[in-house]
Amino acid sequence: MKSLIKLVMLALAMAFAAPAFADEASIVGSWRMTSLQFTDANGKVAEVPYSGQVIFSEGGTLSVQAMDANVNAAPTTYTVNGYEAYYGPVEVDDAQKTFAITVESSLARDLIGKRLVRKFEVSSNQLVILPADPAEGWRVTYERR
């Protein structure tokens, strides 16, 4: 019985420690936003005061939550009252450094059912997400939690 308890304790310890041993090149995990940048039509880059997180689960889902610090932020394709939240199954192509989410639920209801394709770069504890279409002109940087 004591051996079984020790085995269960060891298994639990390993389960909770697993994220610490995660592959640093993997997109899977929880990421905290550190920067959001937009580039205008003239090529001028502007930093936007955003905060948020993105989570890529091992089960193949993606969830995003982000907030504009400006309480009077105008709505966008992705936001309502300066807040962005959506969720859905995600397909990651590590070779192409892209992922695609099919939005299952979203605060901005027009996104539901859409397939969003993004480019990504992972280096150590940093994740950069870019639109598949550079004309969208944004770049988001995250750090691994």
Protein backbone atom coordinates (compact mmCIF):
# COMPACT_ATOMS: atom_id res chain seq x y z
CA MET A 1 0.00 0.00 0.00
CA LYS A 2 2.83 2.42 0.88
CA SER A 3 4.47 1.63 -2.46
CA LEU A 4 1.24 2.43 -4.28
CA ILE A 5 0.91 5.75 -2.45
CA LYS A 6 4.52 6.63 -3.29
CA LEU A 7 3.92 5.72 -6.94
CA VAL A 8 0.79 7.89 -7.08
CA MET A 9 2.65 10.79 -5.42
CA LEU A 10 5.51 10.45 -7.92
CA ALA A 11 3.07 10.35 -10.84
CA LEU A 12 1.32 13.50 -9.57
CA ALA A 13 4.63 15.29 -9.09
CA MET A 14 5.70 14.39 -12.63
CA ALA A 15 2.34 15.52 -14.05
CA PHE A 16 2.63 18.95 -12.46
CA ALA A 17 6.31 19.27 -13.39
CA ALA A 18 5.73 18.31 -17.04
CA PRO A 19 5.31 21.91 -18.29
CA ALA A 20 8.73 22.73 -16.84
CA PHE A 21 10.20 20.11 -19.15
CA ALA A 22 8.18 21.16 -22.22
CA ASP A 23 9.96 21.56 -25.52
CA GLU A 24 11.05 25.22 -25.68
CA ALA A 25 10.53 25.25 -29.45
CA SER A 26 6.90 24.13 -29.08
CA ILE A 27 4.01 26.56 -29.44
CA VAL A 28 2.01 24.48 -26.94
CA GLY A 29 1.54 26.26 -23.64
CA SER A 30 0.33 29.41 -22.00
CA TRP A 31 1.72 32.72 -23.26
CA ARG A 32 1.41 36.26 -21.79
CA MET A 33 1.27 39.19 -24.22
CA THR A 34 4.20 41.57 -23.96
CA SER A 35 3.70 43.68 -27.08
CA LEU A 36 1.16 44.52 -29.78
CA GLN A 37 2.31 46.56 -32.76
CA PHE A 38 0.47 47.92 -35.78
CA THR A 39 2.07 49.22 -38.96
CA ASP A 40 0.11 51.87 -40.87
CA ALA A 41 -0.05 52.31 -44.66
CA ASN A 42 3.02 54.58 -44.51
CA GLY A 43 5.10 51.94 -42.72
CA LYS A 44 5.01 53.68 -39.35
CA VAL A 45 4.98 51.21 -36.45
CA ALA A 46 2.90 52.02 -33.38
CA GLU A 47 2.84 50.20 -30.05
CA VAL A 48 -0.70 49.57 -28.72
CA PRO A 49 -1.22 49.29 -24.93
CA TYR A 50 -2.75 45.81 -24.88
CA SER A 51 -2.59 42.99 -22.37
CA GLY A 52 -3.68 39.41 -22.76
CA GLN A 53 -2.81 35.79 -23.20
CA VAL A 54 -2.98 32.97 -25.71
CA ILE A 55 -3.13 29.29 -24.79
CA PHE A 56 -2.32 26.44 -27.16
CA SER A 57 -3.46 23.22 -25.46
CA GLU A 58 -1.93 19.80 -25.97
CA GLY A 59 -5.43 18.70 -26.96
CA GLY A 60 -5.39 20.92 -30.05
CA THR A 61 -7.37 23.97 -28.99
CA LEU A 62 -6.50 27.64 -28.92
CA SER A 63 -7.95 30.34 -26.71
CA VAL A 64 -7.21 34.05 -26.88
CA GLN A 65 -8.07 36.86 -24.49
CA ALA A 66 -6.80 40.40 -24.90
CA MET A 67 -7.78 43.86 -23.76
CA ASP A 68 -7.07 47.35 -24.99
CA ALA A 69 -6.19 49.67 -22.09
CA ASN A 70 -8.23 52.40 -23.79
CA VAL A 71 -11.79 52.06 -22.43
CA ASN A 72 -13.05 54.06 -25.43
CA ALA A 73 -11.37 51.83 -28.02
CA ALA A 74 -13.37 51.52 -31.22
CA PRO A 75 -14.65 48.05 -32.10
CA THR A 76 -12.65 46.04 -34.63
CA THR A 77 -13.13 42.76 -36.48
CA TYR A 78 -11.77 41.00 -33.39
CA THR A 79 -12.90 43.23 -30.51
CA VAL A 80 -16.00 44.45 -28.70
CA ASN A 81 -15.55 47.36 -26.27
CA GLY A 82 -11.79 46.94 -26.51
CA TYR A 83 -11.89 43.26 -25.54
CA GLU A 84 -10.96 40.26 -27.68
CA ALA A 85 -11.84 36.67 -26.80
CA TYR A 86 -12.18 33.60 -28.98
CA TYR A 87 -11.66 29.85 -28.83
CA GLY A 88 -11.58 26.81 -31.12
CA PRO A 89 -9.70 23.85 -32.51
CA VAL A 90 -6.30 24.68 -33.92
CA GLU A 91 -4.08 23.01 -36.52
CA VAL A 92 -0.36 23.74 -36.14
CA ASP A 93 2.07 23.24 -39.01
CA ASP A 94 5.50 23.39 -37.38
CA ALA A 95 7.29 22.95 -40.72
CA GLN A 96 5.54 25.96 -42.29
CA LYS A 97 5.46 27.89 -38.98
CA THR A 98 1.73 28.51 -39.34
CA PHE A 99 -1.41 27.67 -37.44
CA ALA A 100 -5.08 27.87 -38.29
CA ILE A 101 -7.94 28.18 -35.82
CA THR A 102 -11.56 27.57 -36.68
CA VAL A 103 -13.38 29.92 -34.32
CA GLU A 104 -15.97 28.03 -32.29
CA SER A 105 -16.93 30.80 -29.89
CA SER A 106 -16.09 34.49 -29.84
CA LEU A 107 -17.06 37.73 -28.18
CA ALA A 108 -17.10 39.23 -31.71
CA ARG A 109 -19.81 36.94 -33.06
CA ASP A 110 -18.94 37.54 -36.73
CA LEU A 111 -15.75 35.51 -36.17
CA ILE A 112 -17.67 32.32 -35.29
CA GLY A 113 -17.08 29.69 -37.96
CA LYS A 114 -14.20 31.58 -39.59
CA ARG A 115 -10.80 29.99 -40.16
CA LEU A 116 -7.98 32.31 -39.15
CA VAL A 117 -4.49 31.50 -40.45
CA ARG A 118 -1.48 32.96 -38.67
CA LYS A 119 2.31 32.75 -38.93
CA PHE A 120 4.37 32.17 -35.81
CA GLU A 121 7.94 32.13 -34.53
CA VAL A 122 9.00 30.46 -31.27
CA SER A 123 12.42 31.02 -29.78
CA SER A 124 13.04 29.84 -26.25
CA ASN A 125 10.40 31.57 -24.15
CA GLN A 126 9.16 34.03 -26.78
CA LEU A 127 6.30 33.62 -29.26
CA VAL A 128 5.63 36.06 -32.11
CA ILE A 129 2.34 35.83 -34.03
CA LEU A 130 1.84 37.56 -37.37
CA PRO A 131 -1.06 37.60 -39.83
CA ALA A 132 -0.78 35.35 -42.87
CA ASP A 133 -1.53 38.48 -44.93
CA PRO A 134 1.14 41.10 -44.13
CA ALA A 135 -1.27 43.83 -45.30
CA GLU A 136 -3.12 43.38 -41.98
CA GLY A 137 -0.07 45.07 -40.45
CA TRP A 138 0.10 43.73 -36.90
CA ARG A 139 2.57 41.77 -34.77
CA VAL A 140 1.98 40.30 -31.30
CA THR A 141 4.75 39.12 -28.99
CA TYR A 142 4.24 36.84 -25.98
CA GLU A 143 6.39 35.28 -23.28
CA ARG A 144 5.90 31.75 -22.00
CA ARG A 145 4.22 31.50 -18.61
